[in-house]
Amino acid sequence: MFLKEFIPQRLLSNAISLKSIGLNELAWDKTSALEIIKCLDFVDIGILGGDLYRLEPGKIIPLSDNWYCDKKSNENNKEYSFRSKIKALNYIKSYPVDHDEKIIISLIFTDINSA
């Protein structure tokens, strides 16, 4: 998994597995998700999109909130990678979270060789 190469272990260890809801994905709180995207600043890995979930005692609730970012036909990998990270950062930063609400975010990355 390429994540280990670019994301600090402390952020990977904060990940929440989504296996309990049938997904082989990881999710992070808002602060960690933003930090992960920043860790990828100098790497041509794009963010295809992301999904949001609410944590409640003993369960993970999928929300209907998500975003995606398709590569434009006139974009090279570097341009797409940059634009997709900006879109992800803006979406996550602007997503409203109540102070007592625990929201987690899964990030879907491009393949390191095909961003």
N, C-alpha and C. Protein backbone atom coordinates (compact mmCIF):
# COMPACT_ATOMS: atom_id res chain seq x y z
N MET A 1 0.85 -1.19 0.00
CA MET A 1 0.00 0.00 0.00
C MET A 1 0.89 1.24 0.00
N PHE A 2 0.71 2.09 -0.97
CA PHE A 2 1.56 3.26 -1.11
C PHE A 2 1.39 4.28 0.01
N LEU A 3 0.31 4.24 0.73
CA LEU A 3 0.08 5.22 1.79
C LEU A 3 1.22 5.25 2.79
N LYS A 4 1.77 4.10 3.09
CA LYS A 4 2.83 4.02 4.09
C LYS A 4 4.07 4.80 3.67
N GLU A 5 4.23 5.00 2.37
CA GLU A 5 5.39 5.73 1.87
C GLU A 5 5.27 7.24 2.05
N PHE A 6 4.05 7.75 2.08
CA PHE A 6 3.83 9.19 2.05
C PHE A 6 3.12 9.76 3.28
N ILE A 7 2.48 8.92 4.04
CA ILE A 7 1.69 9.39 5.18
C ILE A 7 2.35 8.91 6.47
N PRO A 8 2.58 9.83 7.41
CA PRO A 8 3.21 9.44 8.67
C PRO A 8 2.44 8.34 9.41
N GLN A 9 3.18 7.49 10.07
CA GLN A 9 2.59 6.37 10.80
C GLN A 9 1.55 6.83 11.82
N ARG A 10 1.80 7.96 12.47
CA ARG A 10 0.83 8.44 13.48
C ARG A 10 -0.54 8.71 12.85
N LEU A 11 -0.58 9.15 11.58
CA LEU A 11 -1.87 9.36 10.91
C LEU A 11 -2.48 8.03 10.46
N LEU A 12 -1.65 7.13 10.00
CA LEU A 12 -2.16 5.81 9.61
C LEU A 12 -2.73 5.07 10.81
N SER A 13 -2.10 5.24 11.96
CA SER A 13 -2.59 4.54 13.15
C SER A 13 -3.88 5.16 13.69
N ASN A 14 -4.18 6.39 13.28
CA ASN A 14 -5.45 7.03 13.68
C ASN A 14 -6.62 6.64 12.78
N ALA A 15 -6.33 5.89 11.72
CA ALA A 15 -7.37 5.51 10.76
C ALA A 15 -8.42 4.61 11.41
N ILE A 16 -9.62 4.74 10.92
CA ILE A 16 -10.73 3.90 11.37
C ILE A 16 -11.11 2.99 10.21
N SER A 17 -11.08 1.70 10.44
CA SER A 17 -11.43 0.73 9.41
C SER A 17 -12.94 0.78 9.14
N LEU A 18 -13.29 0.66 7.88
CA LEU A 18 -14.71 0.62 7.49
C LEU A 18 -15.16 -0.81 7.18
N LYS A 19 -14.38 -1.79 7.61
CA LYS A 19 -14.73 -3.20 7.35
C LYS A 19 -16.06 -3.58 7.99
N SER A 20 -16.39 -2.96 9.12
CA SER A 20 -17.64 -3.31 9.80
C SER A 20 -18.88 -2.96 8.97
N ILE A 21 -18.70 -2.10 7.97
CA ILE A 21 -19.83 -1.78 7.08
C ILE A 21 -19.58 -2.33 5.67
N GLY A 22 -18.66 -3.29 5.58
CA GLY A 22 -18.44 -4.00 4.33
C GLY A 22 -17.50 -3.34 3.34
N LEU A 23 -16.71 -2.38 3.79
CA LEU A 23 -15.78 -1.69 2.89
C LEU A 23 -14.35 -1.94 3.31
N ASN A 24 -13.49 -2.16 2.36
CA ASN A 24 -12.07 -2.35 2.63
C ASN A 24 -11.37 -1.01 2.48
N GLU A 25 -11.78 -0.05 3.30
CA GLU A 25 -11.26 1.31 3.24
C GLU A 25 -10.97 1.81 4.64
N LEU A 26 -10.26 2.92 4.69
CA LEU A 26 -9.97 3.59 5.96
C LEU A 26 -10.61 4.97 5.94
N ALA A 27 -10.86 5.49 7.12
CA ALA A 27 -11.42 6.84 7.25
C ALA A 27 -10.73 7.54 8.41
N TRP A 28 -10.75 8.87 8.36
CA TRP A 28 -10.09 9.70 9.37
C TRP A 28 -11.01 10.84 9.79
N ASP A 29 -10.71 11.40 10.95
CA ASP A 29 -11.45 12.60 11.35
C ASP A 29 -11.03 13.75 10.44
N LYS A 30 -11.75 14.85 10.53
CA LYS A 30 -11.55 15.99 9.63
C LYS A 30 -10.12 16.52 9.67
N THR A 31 -9.58 16.69 10.84
CA THR A 31 -8.23 17.23 10.99
C THR A 31 -7.20 16.31 10.35
N SER A 32 -7.31 15.02 10.61
CA SER A 32 -6.36 14.06 10.05
C SER A 32 -6.49 13.96 8.53
N ALA A 33 -7.71 13.98 8.01
CA ALA A 33 -7.92 13.91 6.56
C ALA A 33 -7.26 15.11 5.87
N LEU A 34 -7.40 16.28 6.45
CA LEU A 34 -6.75 17.47 5.89
C LEU A 34 -5.24 17.34 5.92
N GLU A 35 -4.72 16.81 7.00
CA GLU A 35 -3.28 16.64 7.14
C GLU A 35 -2.74 15.60 6.14
N ILE A 36 -3.50 14.55 5.91
CA ILE A 36 -3.10 13.54 4.94
C ILE A 36 -2.98 14.14 3.54
N ILE A 37 -3.94 14.95 3.16
CA ILE A 37 -3.89 15.59 1.84
C ILE A 37 -2.66 16.48 1.74
N LYS A 38 -2.36 17.21 2.80
CA LYS A 38 -1.16 18.05 2.82
C LYS A 38 0.12 17.22 2.69
N CYS A 39 0.13 16.01 3.24
CA CYS A 39 1.30 15.14 3.13
C CYS A 39 1.58 14.75 1.68
N LEU A 40 0.58 14.84 0.85
CA LEU A 40 0.71 14.44 -0.55
C LEU A 40 1.00 15.63 -1.47
N ASP A 41 1.32 16.78 -0.89
CA ASP A 41 1.56 17.99 -1.67
C ASP A 41 2.56 17.82 -2.80
N PHE A 42 3.62 17.10 -2.58
CA PHE A 42 4.70 17.03 -3.56
C PHE A 42 4.74 15.70 -4.31
N VAL A 43 3.61 15.00 -4.28
CA VAL A 43 3.51 13.71 -4.94
C VAL A 43 2.34 13.78 -5.92
N ASP A 44 2.51 13.20 -7.09
CA ASP A 44 1.43 13.22 -8.08
C ASP A 44 0.41 12.11 -7.83
N ILE A 45 -0.18 12.18 -6.65
CA ILE A 45 -1.28 11.30 -6.28
C ILE A 45 -2.50 12.18 -6.16
N GLY A 46 -3.53 11.87 -6.92
CA GLY A 46 -4.76 12.66 -6.86
C GLY A 46 -5.75 12.08 -5.87
N ILE A 47 -6.76 12.86 -5.60
CA ILE A 47 -7.86 12.43 -4.74
C ILE A 47 -9.08 12.27 -5.64
N LEU A 48 -9.47 11.05 -5.93
CA LEU A 48 -10.62 10.80 -6.79
C LEU A 48 -11.91 11.31 -6.16
N GLY A 49 -11.95 11.29 -4.83
CA GLY A 49 -13.14 11.72 -4.11
C GLY A 49 -13.08 11.24 -2.68
N GLY A 50 -14.22 11.32 -2.04
CA GLY A 50 -14.29 10.88 -0.66
C GLY A 50 -15.72 10.73 -0.20
N ASP A 51 -15.89 9.97 0.86
CA ASP A 51 -17.20 9.72 1.45
C ASP A 51 -17.15 10.06 2.93
N LEU A 52 -18.29 10.51 3.44
CA LEU A 52 -18.37 10.90 4.84
C LEU A 52 -19.27 9.94 5.61
N TYR A 53 -18.88 9.74 6.88
CA TYR A 53 -19.59 8.83 7.77
C TYR A 53 -19.71 9.49 9.13
N ARG A 54 -20.74 9.10 9.87
CA ARG A 54 -20.88 9.59 11.25
C ARG A 54 -20.60 8.41 12.18
N LEU A 55 -19.76 8.66 13.15
CA LEU A 55 -19.48 7.64 14.17
C LEU A 55 -20.47 7.81 15.31
N GLU A 56 -21.10 6.72 15.66
CA GLU A 56 -21.97 6.69 16.83
C GLU A 56 -21.49 5.52 17.67
N PRO A 57 -21.83 5.49 18.94
CA PRO A 57 -21.35 4.39 19.78
C PRO A 57 -21.62 3.02 19.15
N GLY A 58 -20.55 2.32 18.83
CA GLY A 58 -20.65 0.98 18.29
C GLY A 58 -21.03 0.86 16.83
N LYS A 59 -21.17 1.98 16.12
CA LYS A 59 -21.53 1.85 14.71
C LYS A 59 -21.03 3.02 13.87
N ILE A 60 -20.94 2.74 12.59
CA ILE A 60 -20.54 3.73 11.59
C ILE A 60 -21.73 3.93 10.66
N ILE A 61 -22.18 5.18 10.53
CA ILE A 61 -23.35 5.49 9.72
C ILE A 61 -22.91 6.18 8.43
N PRO A 62 -23.13 5.53 7.26
CA PRO A 62 -22.79 6.21 6.00
C PRO A 62 -23.70 7.42 5.80
N LEU A 63 -23.12 8.52 5.41
CA LEU A 63 -23.89 9.71 5.08
C LEU A 63 -24.03 9.78 3.56
N SER A 64 -24.96 10.55 3.08
CA SER A 64 -25.11 10.69 1.63
C SER A 64 -24.21 11.80 1.10
N ASP A 65 -23.28 12.25 1.93
CA ASP A 65 -22.39 13.34 1.56
C ASP A 65 -21.07 12.79 1.03
N ASN A 66 -20.67 13.32 -0.12
CA ASN A 66 -19.43 12.89 -0.74
C ASN A 66 -19.05 13.89 -1.82
N TRP A 67 -17.88 13.71 -2.39
CA TRP A 67 -17.46 14.51 -3.53
C TRP A 67 -16.62 13.63 -4.44
N TYR A 68 -16.46 14.07 -5.65
CA TYR A 68 -15.58 13.37 -6.58
C TYR A 68 -14.90 14.39 -7.48
N CYS A 69 -13.84 13.97 -8.09
CA CYS A 69 -13.08 14.85 -8.97
C CYS A 69 -12.53 14.03 -10.13
N ASP A 70 -13.16 14.16 -11.28
CA ASP A 70 -12.71 13.46 -12.47
C ASP A 70 -11.59 14.23 -13.16
N LYS A 71 -10.71 13.49 -13.78
CA LYS A 71 -9.63 14.10 -14.55
C LYS A 71 -10.19 14.63 -15.87
N LYS A 72 -9.84 15.86 -16.20
CA LYS A 72 -10.27 16.47 -17.46
C LYS A 72 -9.38 15.96 -18.59
N SER A 73 -9.93 15.90 -19.77
CA SER A 73 -9.19 15.35 -20.91
C SER A 73 -7.94 16.17 -21.25
N ASN A 74 -7.94 17.45 -20.91
CA ASN A 74 -6.80 18.31 -21.24
C ASN A 74 -5.81 18.46 -20.07
N GLU A 75 -5.99 17.70 -19.01
CA GLU A 75 -5.11 17.80 -17.84
C GLU A 75 -4.03 16.72 -17.88
N ASN A 76 -2.82 17.10 -17.48
CA ASN A 76 -1.81 16.08 -17.26
C ASN A 76 -1.93 15.61 -15.81
N ASN A 77 -1.16 14.60 -15.45
CA ASN A 77 -1.26 14.01 -14.10
C ASN A 77 -0.98 15.02 -13.01
N LYS A 78 0.02 15.87 -13.19
CA LYS A 78 0.39 16.86 -12.18
C LYS A 78 -0.75 17.87 -11.97
N GLU A 79 -1.34 18.35 -13.06
CA GLU A 79 -2.45 19.31 -12.96
C GLU A 79 -3.65 18.70 -12.26
N TYR A 80 -3.99 17.46 -12.66
CA TYR A 80 -5.12 16.80 -12.03
C TYR A 80 -4.88 16.55 -10.54
N SER A 81 -3.69 16.08 -10.22
CA SER A 81 -3.34 15.81 -8.83
C SER A 81 -3.52 17.07 -7.98
N PHE A 82 -3.00 18.18 -8.48
CA PHE A 82 -3.10 19.45 -7.75
C PHE A 82 -4.56 19.88 -7.60
N ARG A 83 -5.32 19.87 -8.70
CA ARG A 83 -6.72 20.32 -8.66
C ARG A 83 -7.56 19.43 -7.76
N SER A 84 -7.32 18.11 -7.82
CA SER A 84 -8.12 17.20 -7.02
C SER A 84 -7.86 17.39 -5.52
N LYS A 85 -6.63 17.71 -5.16
CA LYS A 85 -6.32 17.96 -3.74
C LYS A 85 -6.96 19.25 -3.26
N ILE A 86 -6.94 20.28 -4.11
CA ILE A 86 -7.59 21.55 -3.75
C ILE A 86 -9.09 21.33 -3.55
N LYS A 87 -9.70 20.59 -4.46
CA LYS A 87 -11.13 20.31 -4.33
C LYS A 87 -11.43 19.55 -3.04
N ALA A 88 -10.61 18.55 -2.73
CA ALA A 88 -10.80 17.77 -1.50
C ALA A 88 -10.63 18.65 -0.26
N LEU A 89 -9.58 19.45 -0.24
CA LEU A 89 -9.34 20.36 0.90
C LEU A 89 -10.52 21.31 1.09
N ASN A 90 -10.99 21.90 0.01
CA ASN A 90 -12.11 22.85 0.10
C ASN A 90 -13.38 22.17 0.59
N TYR A 91 -13.66 20.97 0.09
CA TYR A 91 -14.86 20.27 0.51
C TYR A 91 -14.81 19.94 2.00
N ILE A 92 -13.69 19.37 2.41
CA ILE A 92 -13.56 18.96 3.81
C ILE A 92 -13.59 20.17 4.74
N LYS A 93 -12.85 21.23 4.40
CA LYS A 93 -12.82 22.42 5.25
C LYS A 93 -14.20 23.05 5.40
N SER A 94 -15.00 23.03 4.33
CA SER A 94 -16.29 23.71 4.37
C SER A 94 -17.42 22.82 4.88
N TYR A 95 -17.15 21.53 5.11
CA TYR A 95 -18.20 20.64 5.57
C TYR A 95 -18.56 20.97 7.02
N PRO A 96 -19.82 21.28 7.27
CA PRO A 96 -20.21 21.66 8.63
C PRO A 96 -20.29 20.45 9.57
N VAL A 97 -19.65 20.57 10.71
CA VAL A 97 -19.67 19.52 11.72
C VAL A 97 -20.08 20.16 13.04
N ASP A 98 -21.13 19.63 13.65
CA ASP A 98 -21.54 20.11 14.97
C ASP A 98 -20.48 19.71 15.99
N HIS A 99 -20.35 20.50 17.05
CA HIS A 99 -19.30 20.25 18.05
C HIS A 99 -19.40 18.88 18.70
N ASP A 100 -20.59 18.31 18.78
CA ASP A 100 -20.76 17.00 19.42
C ASP A 100 -20.84 15.85 18.41
N GLU A 101 -20.66 16.17 17.15
CA GLU A 101 -20.77 15.17 16.09
C GLU A 101 -19.39 14.64 15.72
N LYS A 102 -19.28 13.34 15.51
CA LYS A 102 -18.01 12.72 15.13
C LYS A 102 -18.15 12.26 13.67
N ILE A 103 -17.57 13.03 12.77
CA ILE A 103 -17.59 12.72 11.34
C ILE A 103 -16.23 12.18 10.94
N ILE A 104 -16.25 11.14 10.12
CA ILE A 104 -15.01 10.61 9.57
C ILE A 104 -15.11 10.62 8.04
N ILE A 105 -13.95 10.65 7.40
CA ILE A 105 -13.88 10.85 5.96
C ILE A 105 -12.97 9.79 5.35
N SER A 106 -13.49 9.09 4.34
CA SER A 106 -12.62 8.19 3.58
C SER A 106 -12.14 8.95 2.35
N LEU A 107 -10.90 8.74 2.00
CA LEU A 107 -10.30 9.39 0.83
C LEU A 107 -9.99 8.31 -0.19
N ILE A 108 -10.37 8.54 -1.43
CA ILE A 108 -10.08 7.60 -2.49
C ILE A 108 -8.99 8.22 -3.36
N PHE A 109 -7.84 7.55 -3.37
CA PHE A 109 -6.65 8.06 -4.04
C PHE A 109 -6.51 7.45 -5.43
N THR A 110 -5.84 8.19 -6.31
CA THR A 110 -5.46 7.61 -7.59
C THR A 110 -4.27 6.69 -7.36
N ASP A 111 -4.03 5.85 -8.28
CA ASP A 111 -2.82 5.01 -8.27
C ASP A 111 -1.63 5.94 -8.45
N ILE A 112 -0.58 5.68 -7.75
CA ILE A 112 0.60 6.54 -7.81
C ILE A 112 1.12 6.68 -9.24
N ASN A 113 0.91 5.71 -10.09
CA ASN A 113 1.42 5.75 -11.45
C ASN A 113 0.40 6.26 -12.47
N SER A 114 -0.84 6.49 -12.04
CA SER A 114 -1.85 6.87 -13.03
C SER A 114 -2.66 8.08 -12.63
N ALA A 115 -2.12 8.95 -11.77
CA ALA A 115 -2.86 10.13 -11.33
C ALA A 115 -3.25 10.94 -12.49
